Amino acid sequence: MCADLDPAMTPAAIVDPMDCSKYYICETDTSDPIGPASCQPETPWFNGEKCDSDQAGCCAGSSALCEPYCTIDDENDQIIDPLDCTKYYICLAVGIPSELYHLSCPSGETFDMTSGFCLVEASCITLCNSTGGGGMTTGSGDCQDTMTCTVEGSFPKCTTCQKQYFFCPTNQGEAYIMECSGDLVFNTDASYPYCVLPADCPHIP
């Protein structure tokens, strides 16, 4: 992470590529990152320079969130397309990868960030929405587009049985939008927050 910085730009703060409410401090380009540190509730979004109240600036300072970016550790590996969990890039050098190496997962598979491969059972994680920046679109119908985490866990995104759901790895920050694998849908009964077969939804334990 710190090794990708220009030495003249250090010390610097770097957004956590998985959580725009957190950031790391790089004292030099050769040091290990310190953190993560969390933004305060009144200014919850790190915009690349500081914590801010405007979520639209969430990705402004982070190519790791809204643009694909290959670090030294990513060379010769695959990274997720931050706008589409069914696509990925092959990293051949440090920097923004070439569109020549922008590939799609086989049908029915999503890119798993942990393993670096497309898998049937992988959850869909979208690092940034397709409109750019960190802002979310307004919800419509029976689904909501955003959720602020107050507890850890998985939660229904819609009042009807749909594939997408919210996932909170911590009790703060914006929830991730995940997707059930295969033909499964997310249960609408909050007492059983899991993916189920459509015929068994809603499942009431």
N, C-alpha and C. Protein backbone atom coordinates (compact mmCIF):
# COMPACT_ATOMS: atom_id res chain seq x y z
N MET A 1 0.83 -1.20 0.00
CA MET A 1 0.00 0.00 0.00
C MET A 1 0.86 1.26 0.00
N CYS A 2 1.78 1.39 1.00
CA CYS A 2 2.63 2.57 1.06
C CYS A 2 3.66 2.58 -0.06
N ALA A 3 4.06 1.39 -0.51
CA ALA A 3 5.09 1.30 -1.54
C ALA A 3 4.64 1.89 -2.87
N ASP A 4 3.34 2.07 -3.06
CA ASP A 4 2.83 2.63 -4.31
C ASP A 4 2.89 4.16 -4.33
N LEU A 5 3.26 4.77 -3.21
CA LEU A 5 3.27 6.22 -3.13
C LEU A 5 4.57 6.82 -3.64
N ASP A 6 4.47 8.03 -4.16
CA ASP A 6 5.65 8.83 -4.49
C ASP A 6 6.28 9.25 -3.16
N PRO A 7 7.59 8.99 -2.95
CA PRO A 7 8.22 9.36 -1.67
C PRO A 7 8.02 10.83 -1.31
N ALA A 8 7.93 11.70 -2.33
CA ALA A 8 7.75 13.13 -2.07
C ALA A 8 6.37 13.45 -1.51
N MET A 9 5.43 12.49 -1.65
CA MET A 9 4.05 12.73 -1.20
C MET A 9 3.81 12.24 0.22
N THR A 10 4.81 11.63 0.85
CA THR A 10 4.64 11.12 2.21
C THR A 10 5.11 12.15 3.23
N PRO A 11 4.54 12.14 4.45
CA PRO A 11 3.50 11.22 4.92
C PRO A 11 2.16 11.50 4.24
N ALA A 12 1.34 10.46 4.15
CA ALA A 12 0.06 10.59 3.46
C ALA A 12 -0.97 9.67 4.08
N ALA A 13 -2.24 10.00 3.86
CA ALA A 13 -3.35 9.17 4.30
C ALA A 13 -3.93 8.46 3.08
N ILE A 14 -4.22 7.17 3.21
CA ILE A 14 -4.73 6.35 2.12
C ILE A 14 -6.06 5.73 2.55
N VAL A 15 -7.08 5.84 1.72
CA VAL A 15 -8.38 5.27 2.07
C VAL A 15 -8.31 3.75 2.09
N ASP A 16 -9.05 3.16 3.00
CA ASP A 16 -9.19 1.70 3.03
C ASP A 16 -9.99 1.28 1.80
N PRO A 17 -9.43 0.44 0.91
CA PRO A 17 -10.13 0.08 -0.32
C PRO A 17 -11.42 -0.70 -0.10
N MET A 18 -11.67 -1.18 1.11
CA MET A 18 -12.89 -1.93 1.39
C MET A 18 -13.90 -1.14 2.22
N ASP A 19 -13.50 0.03 2.74
CA ASP A 19 -14.39 0.78 3.61
C ASP A 19 -14.03 2.25 3.58
N CYS A 20 -14.88 3.05 2.93
CA CYS A 20 -14.60 4.47 2.74
C CYS A 20 -14.72 5.29 4.01
N SER A 21 -15.05 4.67 5.12
CA SER A 21 -15.09 5.39 6.39
C SER A 21 -13.79 5.21 7.17
N LYS A 22 -12.84 4.49 6.57
CA LYS A 22 -11.57 4.21 7.25
C LYS A 22 -10.40 4.61 6.35
N TYR A 23 -9.25 4.85 6.97
CA TYR A 23 -8.05 5.21 6.21
C TYR A 23 -6.80 4.75 6.96
N TYR A 24 -5.69 4.71 6.23
CA TYR A 24 -4.39 4.34 6.79
C TYR A 24 -3.42 5.51 6.66
N ILE A 25 -2.40 5.53 7.49
CA ILE A 25 -1.36 6.54 7.42
C ILE A 25 -0.06 5.88 6.95
N CYS A 26 0.55 6.46 5.93
CA CYS A 26 1.86 6.02 5.45
C CYS A 26 2.87 7.11 5.81
N GLU A 27 3.79 6.81 6.74
CA GLU A 27 4.78 7.81 7.14
C GLU A 27 5.82 8.00 6.04
N THR A 28 6.20 6.90 5.39
CA THR A 28 7.11 6.95 4.24
C THR A 28 6.63 5.93 3.22
N ASP A 29 7.26 5.92 2.03
CA ASP A 29 6.87 4.95 1.02
C ASP A 29 7.43 3.57 1.32
N THR A 30 8.28 3.45 2.34
CA THR A 30 8.85 2.14 2.69
C THR A 30 8.29 1.60 4.00
N SER A 31 7.44 2.37 4.66
CA SER A 31 6.90 1.94 5.95
C SER A 31 5.64 1.11 5.78
N ASP A 32 5.32 0.35 6.81
CA ASP A 32 4.04 -0.36 6.83
C ASP A 32 2.94 0.64 7.18
N PRO A 33 1.75 0.46 6.59
CA PRO A 33 0.66 1.40 6.90
C PRO A 33 0.23 1.31 8.35
N ILE A 34 -0.11 2.45 8.94
CA ILE A 34 -0.60 2.52 10.31
C ILE A 34 -2.12 2.63 10.25
N GLY A 35 -2.81 1.78 10.98
CA GLY A 35 -4.27 1.86 10.97
C GLY A 35 -4.90 0.49 10.79
N PRO A 36 -6.21 0.49 10.43
CA PRO A 36 -6.96 1.66 9.96
C PRO A 36 -7.48 2.55 11.09
N ALA A 37 -7.63 3.84 10.74
CA ALA A 37 -8.30 4.80 11.61
C ALA A 37 -9.69 5.03 11.06
N SER A 38 -10.64 5.35 11.92
CA SER A 38 -12.03 5.55 11.51
C SER A 38 -12.41 7.02 11.56
N CYS A 39 -13.18 7.46 10.56
CA CYS A 39 -13.73 8.81 10.57
C CYS A 39 -14.80 8.92 11.66
N GLN A 40 -15.04 10.12 12.13
CA GLN A 40 -16.03 10.36 13.17
C GLN A 40 -17.44 10.40 12.57
N PRO A 41 -18.48 10.13 13.37
CA PRO A 41 -19.86 10.08 12.85
C PRO A 41 -20.31 11.35 12.12
N GLU A 42 -19.84 12.53 12.58
CA GLU A 42 -20.27 13.77 11.93
C GLU A 42 -19.59 14.01 10.58
N THR A 43 -18.43 13.38 10.36
CA THR A 43 -17.74 13.44 9.06
C THR A 43 -17.30 12.02 8.71
N PRO A 44 -18.23 11.17 8.29
CA PRO A 44 -17.97 9.73 8.20
C PRO A 44 -17.21 9.25 6.96
N TRP A 45 -17.00 10.10 5.95
CA TRP A 45 -16.43 9.63 4.68
C TRP A 45 -15.05 10.21 4.42
N PHE A 46 -14.08 9.36 4.14
CA PHE A 46 -12.72 9.82 3.82
C PHE A 46 -12.64 10.10 2.33
N ASN A 47 -12.29 11.34 1.96
CA ASN A 47 -12.32 11.74 0.55
C ASN A 47 -10.96 11.72 -0.14
N GLY A 48 -9.99 11.10 0.50
CA GLY A 48 -8.65 11.04 -0.07
C GLY A 48 -7.68 11.97 0.62
N GLU A 49 -8.22 12.98 1.31
CA GLU A 49 -7.40 13.93 2.05
C GLU A 49 -7.81 14.04 3.51
N LYS A 50 -9.13 14.00 3.74
CA LYS A 50 -9.65 14.18 5.10
C LYS A 50 -11.02 13.53 5.21
N CYS A 51 -11.51 13.42 6.43
CA CYS A 51 -12.87 12.93 6.66
C CYS A 51 -13.85 14.05 6.36
N ASP A 52 -14.94 13.71 5.68
CA ASP A 52 -15.88 14.71 5.20
C ASP A 52 -17.31 14.22 5.40
N SER A 53 -18.26 15.14 5.39
CA SER A 53 -19.67 14.77 5.55
C SER A 53 -20.33 14.40 4.22
N ASP A 54 -19.67 14.70 3.11
CA ASP A 54 -20.24 14.46 1.78
C ASP A 54 -19.80 13.10 1.24
N GLN A 55 -20.75 12.16 1.17
CA GLN A 55 -20.40 10.83 0.69
C GLN A 55 -20.02 10.83 -0.79
N ALA A 56 -20.45 11.85 -1.54
CA ALA A 56 -20.14 11.91 -2.97
C ALA A 56 -18.64 12.03 -3.22
N GLY A 57 -17.89 12.51 -2.22
CA GLY A 57 -16.44 12.61 -2.37
C GLY A 57 -15.72 11.37 -1.90
N CYS A 58 -16.46 10.35 -1.58
CA CYS A 58 -15.90 9.14 -0.98
C CYS A 58 -14.79 8.53 -1.81
N CYS A 59 -14.96 8.51 -3.12
CA CYS A 59 -13.97 7.88 -3.98
C CYS A 59 -12.99 8.87 -4.58
N ALA A 60 -13.16 10.16 -4.29
CA ALA A 60 -12.40 11.18 -5.01
C ALA A 60 -10.90 10.98 -4.94
N GLY A 61 -10.40 10.55 -3.79
CA GLY A 61 -8.96 10.42 -3.67
C GLY A 61 -8.49 8.99 -3.76
N SER A 62 -9.33 8.08 -4.19
CA SER A 62 -8.96 6.67 -4.15
C SER A 62 -9.23 5.96 -5.45
N SER A 63 -8.18 5.75 -6.23
CA SER A 63 -8.33 4.94 -7.43
C SER A 63 -8.62 3.50 -7.06
N ALA A 64 -8.25 3.11 -5.82
CA ALA A 64 -8.50 1.73 -5.39
C ALA A 64 -9.98 1.44 -5.27
N LEU A 65 -10.81 2.49 -5.04
CA LEU A 65 -12.24 2.26 -4.90
C LEU A 65 -13.00 2.37 -6.21
N CYS A 66 -12.80 3.47 -6.94
CA CYS A 66 -13.63 3.73 -8.11
C CYS A 66 -12.95 3.42 -9.43
N GLU A 67 -11.68 3.20 -9.43
CA GLU A 67 -10.97 2.78 -10.62
C GLU A 67 -10.21 1.51 -10.28
N PRO A 68 -10.07 0.60 -11.24
CA PRO A 68 -9.22 -0.56 -10.96
C PRO A 68 -7.79 -0.09 -10.81
N TYR A 69 -7.07 -0.63 -9.85
CA TYR A 69 -5.68 -0.22 -9.64
C TYR A 69 -4.88 -1.41 -9.16
N CYS A 70 -3.77 -1.66 -9.84
CA CYS A 70 -2.90 -2.78 -9.51
C CYS A 70 -1.73 -2.29 -8.65
N THR A 71 -1.58 -2.86 -7.48
CA THR A 71 -0.44 -2.54 -6.62
C THR A 71 0.70 -3.50 -6.94
N ILE A 72 1.83 -3.30 -6.28
CA ILE A 72 2.97 -4.20 -6.46
C ILE A 72 2.57 -5.63 -6.10
N ASP A 73 1.79 -5.77 -5.05
CA ASP A 73 1.36 -7.10 -4.60
C ASP A 73 0.40 -7.77 -5.58
N ASP A 74 -0.23 -6.98 -6.46
CA ASP A 74 -1.22 -7.53 -7.41
C ASP A 74 -0.60 -8.02 -8.71
N GLU A 75 0.67 -7.74 -8.96
CA GLU A 75 1.27 -8.09 -10.25
C GLU A 75 1.12 -9.58 -10.53
N ASN A 76 0.67 -9.88 -11.76
CA ASN A 76 0.42 -11.24 -12.24
C ASN A 76 -0.76 -11.91 -11.53
N ASP A 77 -1.55 -11.12 -10.83
CA ASP A 77 -2.77 -11.63 -10.21
C ASP A 77 -3.98 -10.96 -10.84
N GLN A 78 -5.16 -11.29 -10.34
CA GLN A 78 -6.41 -10.73 -10.85
C GLN A 78 -7.07 -9.89 -9.76
N ILE A 79 -7.67 -8.75 -10.16
CA ILE A 79 -8.38 -7.90 -9.20
C ILE A 79 -9.80 -7.66 -9.70
N ILE A 80 -10.70 -7.39 -8.78
CA ILE A 80 -12.11 -7.20 -9.13
C ILE A 80 -12.32 -5.88 -9.88
N ASP A 81 -13.29 -5.87 -10.77
CA ASP A 81 -13.77 -4.63 -11.37
C ASP A 81 -14.59 -3.93 -10.29
N PRO A 82 -14.19 -2.72 -9.85
CA PRO A 82 -14.92 -2.08 -8.74
C PRO A 82 -16.36 -1.70 -9.06
N LEU A 83 -16.73 -1.74 -10.35
CA LEU A 83 -18.09 -1.39 -10.75
C LEU A 83 -18.96 -2.60 -11.05
N ASP A 84 -18.34 -3.79 -11.19
CA ASP A 84 -19.09 -4.97 -11.62
C ASP A 84 -18.45 -6.22 -11.05
N CYS A 85 -19.16 -6.89 -10.13
CA CYS A 85 -18.59 -8.05 -9.44
C CYS A 85 -18.47 -9.28 -10.33
N THR A 86 -18.99 -9.22 -11.56
CA THR A 86 -18.86 -10.36 -12.47
C THR A 86 -17.70 -10.17 -13.44
N LYS A 87 -16.90 -9.12 -13.22
CA LYS A 87 -15.76 -8.86 -14.10
C LYS A 87 -14.50 -8.64 -13.28
N TYR A 88 -13.35 -8.76 -13.95
CA TYR A 88 -12.07 -8.60 -13.26
C TYR A 88 -11.00 -8.14 -14.24
N TYR A 89 -9.87 -7.73 -13.69
CA TYR A 89 -8.72 -7.31 -14.49
C TYR A 89 -7.52 -8.20 -14.16
N ILE A 90 -6.67 -8.43 -15.16
CA ILE A 90 -5.39 -9.09 -14.93
C ILE A 90 -4.34 -7.99 -14.77
N CYS A 91 -3.57 -8.05 -13.70
CA CYS A 91 -2.55 -7.04 -13.43
C CYS A 91 -1.19 -7.50 -13.95
N LEU A 92 -0.64 -6.76 -14.88
CA LEU A 92 0.69 -7.06 -15.41
C LEU A 92 1.73 -6.06 -14.93
N ALA A 93 1.28 -4.92 -14.40
CA ALA A 93 2.19 -3.90 -13.91
C ALA A 93 1.45 -3.03 -12.90
N VAL A 94 2.19 -2.27 -12.11
CA VAL A 94 1.58 -1.35 -11.15
C VAL A 94 0.87 -0.22 -11.89
N GLY A 95 -0.33 0.12 -11.43
CA GLY A 95 -1.08 1.20 -12.04
C GLY A 95 -2.46 0.74 -12.48
N ILE A 96 -3.13 1.57 -13.27
CA ILE A 96 -4.46 1.22 -13.79
C ILE A 96 -4.29 0.18 -14.89
N PRO A 97 -4.95 -0.96 -14.79
CA PRO A 97 -4.76 -2.03 -15.78
C PRO A 97 -5.37 -1.70 -17.13
N SER A 98 -4.85 -2.34 -18.16
CA SER A 98 -5.32 -2.13 -19.52
C SER A 98 -6.69 -2.77 -19.73
N GLU A 99 -7.53 -2.13 -20.55
CA GLU A 99 -8.83 -2.70 -20.90
C GLU A 99 -8.67 -3.99 -21.69
N LEU A 100 -7.49 -4.21 -22.26
CA LEU A 100 -7.23 -5.47 -22.97
C LEU A 100 -7.31 -6.66 -22.02
N TYR A 101 -7.10 -6.39 -20.73
CA TYR A 101 -7.10 -7.47 -19.73
C TYR A 101 -8.29 -7.31 -18.78
N HIS A 102 -9.39 -6.77 -19.30
CA HIS A 102 -10.64 -6.62 -18.57
C HIS A 102 -11.56 -7.76 -19.01
N LEU A 103 -11.76 -8.73 -18.15
CA LEU A 103 -12.45 -9.97 -18.53
C LEU A 103 -13.70 -10.20 -17.69
N SER A 104 -14.57 -11.07 -18.19
CA SER A 104 -15.81 -11.42 -17.50
C SER A 104 -15.74 -12.82 -16.93
N CYS A 105 -16.37 -13.01 -15.78
CA CYS A 105 -16.48 -14.35 -15.20
C CYS A 105 -17.43 -15.19 -16.05
N PRO A 106 -17.28 -16.52 -16.01
CA PRO A 106 -18.26 -17.39 -16.67
C PRO A 106 -19.66 -17.14 -16.12
N SER A 107 -20.67 -17.44 -16.90
CA SER A 107 -22.06 -17.23 -16.50
C SER A 107 -22.35 -17.92 -15.17
N GLY A 108 -23.00 -17.19 -14.26
CA GLY A 108 -23.37 -17.76 -12.97
C GLY A 108 -22.30 -17.62 -11.90
N GLU A 109 -21.14 -17.05 -12.25
CA GLU A 109 -20.06 -16.90 -11.29
C GLU A 109 -19.80 -15.42 -11.00
N THR A 110 -19.28 -15.14 -9.82
CA THR A 110 -18.87 -13.79 -9.46
C THR A 110 -17.42 -13.82 -9.01
N PHE A 111 -16.77 -12.66 -9.06
CA PHE A 111 -15.35 -12.61 -8.70
C PHE A 111 -15.21 -12.58 -7.18
N ASP A 112 -14.40 -13.49 -6.66
CA ASP A 112 -14.16 -13.58 -5.23
C ASP A 112 -12.87 -12.84 -4.90
N MET A 113 -12.97 -11.76 -4.13
CA MET A 113 -11.81 -10.93 -3.84
C MET A 113 -10.77 -11.65 -2.98
N THR A 114 -11.20 -12.60 -2.18
CA THR A 114 -10.27 -13.30 -1.30
C THR A 114 -9.37 -14.25 -2.06
N SER A 115 -9.97 -15.06 -2.94
CA SER A 115 -9.19 -16.04 -3.69
C SER A 115 -8.60 -15.46 -4.97
N GLY A 116 -9.24 -14.40 -5.51
CA GLY A 116 -8.77 -13.83 -6.77
C GLY A 116 -9.27 -14.58 -7.98
N PHE A 117 -10.35 -15.35 -7.81
CA PHE A 117 -10.90 -16.13 -8.92
C PHE A 117 -12.42 -15.99 -8.97
N CYS A 118 -12.99 -16.33 -10.12
CA CYS A 118 -14.45 -16.37 -10.26
C CYS A 118 -14.98 -17.66 -9.64
N LEU A 119 -16.00 -17.56 -8.81
CA LEU A 119 -16.56 -18.73 -8.13
C LEU A 119 -18.08 -18.66 -8.15
N VAL A 120 -18.72 -19.83 -8.18
CA VAL A 120 -20.18 -19.89 -8.16
C VAL A 120 -20.71 -19.40 -6.82
N GLU A 121 -20.03 -19.77 -5.74
CA GLU A 121 -20.55 -19.46 -4.41
C GLU A 121 -20.10 -18.09 -3.88
N ALA A 122 -19.36 -17.34 -4.66
CA ALA A 122 -18.85 -16.04 -4.19
C ALA A 122 -19.97 -15.02 -4.07
N SER A 123 -19.91 -14.20 -3.03
CA SER A 123 -20.86 -13.10 -2.86
C SER A 123 -20.46 -11.94 -3.75
N CYS A 124 -21.44 -11.19 -4.22
CA CYS A 124 -21.19 -10.04 -5.08
C CYS A 124 -20.86 -8.82 -4.22
N ILE A 125 -19.66 -8.28 -4.37
CA ILE A 125 -19.24 -7.07 -3.68
C ILE A 125 -18.94 -6.01 -4.72
N THR A 126 -19.69 -4.91 -4.70
CA THR A 126 -19.46 -3.80 -5.62
C THR A 126 -18.79 -2.68 -4.83
N LEU A 127 -17.53 -2.36 -5.17
CA LEU A 127 -16.78 -1.38 -4.40
C LEU A 127 -17.23 0.04 -4.65
N CYS A 128 -17.79 0.31 -5.82
CA CYS A 128 -18.21 1.66 -6.14
C CYS A 128 -19.34 1.59 -7.15
N ASN A 129 -20.31 2.53 -7.04
CA ASN A 129 -21.43 2.45 -7.96
C ASN A 129 -21.07 3.00 -9.33
N SER A 130 -21.82 2.66 -10.36
CA SER A 130 -21.47 2.96 -11.74
C SER A 130 -21.65 4.42 -12.11
N THR A 131 -22.23 5.24 -11.24
CA THR A 131 -22.40 6.65 -11.56
C THR A 131 -21.18 7.46 -11.17
N GLY A 132 -20.18 6.80 -10.56
CA GLY A 132 -18.97 7.49 -10.16
C GLY A 132 -19.13 8.08 -8.77
N GLY A 133 -17.99 8.35 -8.13
CA GLY A 133 -18.03 8.89 -6.78
C GLY A 133 -18.56 7.88 -5.80
N GLY A 134 -18.83 8.31 -4.60
CA GLY A 134 -19.30 7.39 -3.59
C GLY A 134 -20.77 7.48 -3.34
N GLY A 135 -21.48 8.38 -4.04
CA GLY A 135 -22.90 8.55 -3.80
C GLY A 135 -23.71 7.39 -4.30
N MET A 136 -24.86 7.17 -3.71
CA MET A 136 -25.75 6.10 -4.12
C MET A 136 -26.98 6.70 -4.80
N THR A 137 -27.60 5.91 -5.66
CA THR A 137 -28.82 6.36 -6.31
C THR A 137 -30.00 6.20 -5.36
N THR A 138 -31.04 6.92 -5.62
CA THR A 138 -32.24 6.85 -4.78
C THR A 138 -32.98 5.55 -5.03
N GLY A 139 -33.48 4.96 -3.97
CA GLY A 139 -34.19 3.70 -4.11
C GLY A 139 -35.54 3.86 -4.79
N SER A 140 -36.03 2.77 -5.32
CA SER A 140 -37.35 2.79 -5.94
C SER A 140 -38.03 1.46 -5.66
N GLY A 141 -39.36 1.47 -5.75
CA GLY A 141 -40.09 0.23 -5.54
C GLY A 141 -39.95 -0.28 -4.12
N ASP A 142 -39.68 -1.58 -3.98
CA ASP A 142 -39.65 -2.19 -2.66
C ASP A 142 -38.24 -2.36 -2.12
N CYS A 143 -37.25 -1.74 -2.73
CA CYS A 143 -35.86 -1.90 -2.29
C CYS A 143 -35.26 -0.56 -1.90
N GLN A 144 -34.32 -0.60 -0.97
CA GLN A 144 -33.58 0.60 -0.61
C GLN A 144 -32.15 0.44 -1.13
N ASP A 145 -31.51 1.57 -1.45
CA ASP A 145 -30.19 1.53 -2.06
C ASP A 145 -29.05 1.62 -1.07
N THR A 146 -29.28 2.23 0.08
CA THR A 146 -28.22 2.37 1.06
C THR A 146 -28.71 1.98 2.45
N MET A 147 -27.74 1.65 3.30
CA MET A 147 -28.04 1.37 4.70
C MET A 147 -26.81 1.71 5.52
N THR A 148 -26.99 2.41 6.60
CA THR A 148 -25.89 2.72 7.51
C THR A 148 -25.85 1.64 8.58
N CYS A 149 -24.69 1.03 8.74
CA CYS A 149 -24.54 -0.08 9.68
C CYS A 149 -24.56 0.42 11.12
N THR A 150 -25.33 -0.26 11.94
CA THR A 150 -25.33 -0.01 13.39
C THR A 150 -24.97 -1.28 14.15
N VAL A 151 -25.13 -2.42 13.50
CA VAL A 151 -24.73 -3.72 14.05
C VAL A 151 -24.14 -4.56 12.92
N GLU A 152 -23.35 -5.55 13.27
CA GLU A 152 -22.78 -6.45 12.27
C GLU A 152 -23.83 -7.45 11.80
N GLY A 153 -23.70 -7.92 10.55
CA GLY A 153 -24.59 -8.95 10.06
C GLY A 153 -25.10 -8.70 8.67
N SER A 154 -26.02 -9.54 8.22
CA SER A 154 -26.66 -9.43 6.91
C SER A 154 -28.11 -9.01 7.09
N PHE A 155 -28.60 -8.18 6.15
CA PHE A 155 -29.94 -7.62 6.30
C PHE A 155 -30.65 -7.54 4.94
N PRO A 156 -31.98 -7.71 4.91
CA PRO A 156 -32.71 -7.62 3.64
C PRO A 156 -32.57 -6.23 3.03
N LYS A 157 -32.40 -6.20 1.73
CA LYS A 157 -32.35 -4.94 0.99
C LYS A 157 -33.73 -4.56 0.47
N CYS A 158 -34.57 -5.58 0.30
CA CYS A 158 -35.90 -5.39 -0.29
C CYS A 158 -36.97 -6.02 0.60
N THR A 159 -38.21 -5.60 0.40
CA THR A 159 -39.32 -6.19 1.14
C THR A 159 -39.86 -7.43 0.44
N THR A 160 -39.40 -7.65 -0.80
CA THR A 160 -39.73 -8.89 -1.53
C THR A 160 -38.45 -9.71 -1.67
N CYS A 161 -38.59 -10.95 -2.05
CA CYS A 161 -37.45 -11.86 -2.13
C CYS A 161 -36.59 -11.57 -3.37
N GLN A 162 -35.44 -10.96 -3.16
CA GLN A 162 -34.52 -10.59 -4.23
C GLN A 162 -33.13 -11.15 -3.93
N LYS A 163 -32.25 -11.14 -4.93
CA LYS A 163 -30.91 -11.70 -4.76
C LYS A 163 -30.01 -10.81 -3.90
N GLN A 164 -30.18 -9.49 -3.98
CA GLN A 164 -29.29 -8.59 -3.27
C GLN A 164 -29.69 -8.40 -1.81
N TYR A 165 -28.66 -8.14 -0.98
CA TYR A 165 -28.90 -7.86 0.43
C TYR A 165 -27.77 -6.99 0.96
N PHE A 166 -27.95 -6.44 2.15
CA PHE A 166 -26.92 -5.62 2.77
C PHE A 166 -26.06 -6.47 3.70
N PHE A 167 -24.76 -6.16 3.73
CA PHE A 167 -23.84 -6.84 4.65
C PHE A 167 -23.03 -5.79 5.41
N CYS A 168 -23.03 -5.89 6.73
CA CYS A 168 -22.28 -4.99 7.60
C CYS A 168 -21.17 -5.76 8.31
N PRO A 169 -19.91 -5.58 7.89
CA PRO A 169 -18.81 -6.28 8.57
C PRO A 169 -18.50 -5.68 9.94
N THR A 170 -18.91 -4.40 10.14
CA THR A 170 -18.72 -3.73 11.43
C THR A 170 -20.03 -3.01 11.79
N ASN A 171 -20.03 -2.36 12.94
CA ASN A 171 -21.25 -1.67 13.38
C ASN A 171 -21.26 -0.19 13.01
N GLN A 172 -20.48 0.17 11.98
CA GLN A 172 -20.48 1.56 11.53
C GLN A 172 -20.15 1.61 10.04
N GLY A 173 -20.44 2.75 9.42
CA GLY A 173 -20.15 2.92 8.00
C GLY A 173 -21.30 2.43 7.13
N GLU A 174 -21.10 2.54 5.84
CA GLU A 174 -22.11 2.15 4.86
C GLU A 174 -22.08 0.64 4.65
N ALA A 175 -23.25 0.03 4.54
CA ALA A 175 -23.33 -1.41 4.30
C ALA A 175 -22.91 -1.75 2.88
N TYR A 176 -22.30 -2.92 2.70
CA TYR A 176 -21.98 -3.43 1.37
C TYR A 176 -23.23 -4.05 0.76
N ILE A 177 -23.35 -3.96 -0.55
CA ILE A 177 -24.43 -4.64 -1.25
C ILE A 177 -23.89 -5.97 -1.76
N MET A 178 -24.46 -7.06 -1.27
CA MET A 178 -24.03 -8.40 -1.64
C MET A 178 -25.11 -9.05 -2.49
N GLU A 179 -24.79 -10.22 -3.03
CA GLU A 179 -25.76 -10.91 -3.87
C GLU A 179 -25.68 -12.41 -3.61
N CYS A 180 -26.83 -13.04 -3.44
CA CYS A 180 -26.87 -14.49 -3.24
C CYS A 180 -26.38 -15.20 -4.49
N SER A 181 -25.75 -16.34 -4.30
CA SER A 181 -25.21 -17.09 -5.43
C SER A 181 -26.30 -17.93 -6.09
N GLY A 182 -26.03 -18.29 -7.34
CA GLY A 182 -26.94 -19.17 -8.07
C GLY A 182 -28.35 -18.63 -8.16
N ASP A 183 -29.33 -19.50 -7.88
CA ASP A 183 -30.74 -19.12 -7.95
C ASP A 183 -31.29 -18.65 -6.61
N LEU A 184 -30.44 -18.59 -5.59
CA LEU A 184 -30.92 -18.24 -4.26
C LEU A 184 -31.31 -16.77 -4.16
N VAL A 185 -32.21 -16.48 -3.23
CA VAL A 185 -32.63 -15.11 -2.93
C VAL A 185 -32.45 -14.88 -1.43
N PHE A 186 -32.41 -13.61 -1.03
CA PHE A 186 -32.21 -13.32 0.38
C PHE A 186 -33.55 -13.27 1.11
N ASN A 187 -33.60 -13.95 2.23
CA ASN A 187 -34.83 -14.04 3.00
C ASN A 187 -35.26 -12.67 3.53
N THR A 188 -36.54 -12.38 3.45
CA THR A 188 -37.05 -11.08 3.90
C THR A 188 -37.35 -11.04 5.40
N ASP A 189 -37.37 -12.20 6.06
CA ASP A 189 -37.59 -12.24 7.50
C ASP A 189 -36.26 -12.01 8.21
N ALA A 190 -36.13 -10.90 8.92
CA ALA A 190 -34.87 -10.52 9.55
C ALA A 190 -34.39 -11.51 10.60
N SER A 191 -35.28 -12.37 11.10
CA SER A 191 -34.87 -13.36 12.10
C SER A 191 -34.12 -14.53 11.48
N TYR A 192 -34.12 -14.62 10.13
CA TYR A 192 -33.36 -15.67 9.44
C TYR A 192 -32.64 -15.00 8.26
N PRO A 193 -31.52 -14.28 8.54
CA PRO A 193 -30.85 -13.47 7.51
C PRO A 193 -29.89 -14.27 6.63
N TYR A 194 -30.46 -15.13 5.78
CA TYR A 194 -29.64 -15.98 4.91
C TYR A 194 -30.27 -16.08 3.52
N CYS A 195 -29.47 -16.57 2.58
CA CYS A 195 -29.97 -16.84 1.23
C CYS A 195 -30.75 -18.16 1.26
N VAL A 196 -31.90 -18.17 0.60
CA VAL A 196 -32.77 -19.35 0.59
C VAL A 196 -33.28 -19.59 -0.83
N LEU A 197 -33.90 -20.73 -1.02
CA LEU A 197 -34.53 -21.02 -2.30
C LEU A 197 -35.75 -20.12 -2.49
N PRO A 198 -36.02 -19.67 -3.71
CA PRO A 198 -37.17 -18.79 -3.94
C PRO A 198 -38.49 -19.36 -3.42
N ALA A 199 -38.64 -20.69 -3.55
CA ALA A 199 -39.89 -21.33 -3.11
C ALA A 199 -40.04 -21.30 -1.59
N ASP A 200 -38.92 -21.08 -0.88
CA ASP A 200 -38.94 -21.08 0.58
C ASP A 200 -38.85 -19.65 1.15
N CYS A 201 -39.11 -18.66 0.30
CA CYS A 201 -39.01 -17.27 0.72
C CYS A 201 -40.39 -16.60 0.73
N PRO A 202 -40.82 -15.99 1.81
CA PRO A 202 -40.03 -15.78 3.03
C PRO A 202 -39.99 -17.03 3.91
N HIS A 203 -38.81 -17.27 4.48
CA HIS A 203 -38.64 -18.39 5.40
C HIS A 203 -38.75 -17.85 6.82
N ILE A 204 -39.71 -18.37 7.57
CA ILE A 204 -39.91 -17.95 8.96
C ILE A 204 -39.51 -19.10 9.87
N PRO A 205 -38.41 -18.95 10.59
CA PRO A 205 -37.91 -20.07 11.43
C PRO A 205 -38.81 -20.35 12.62
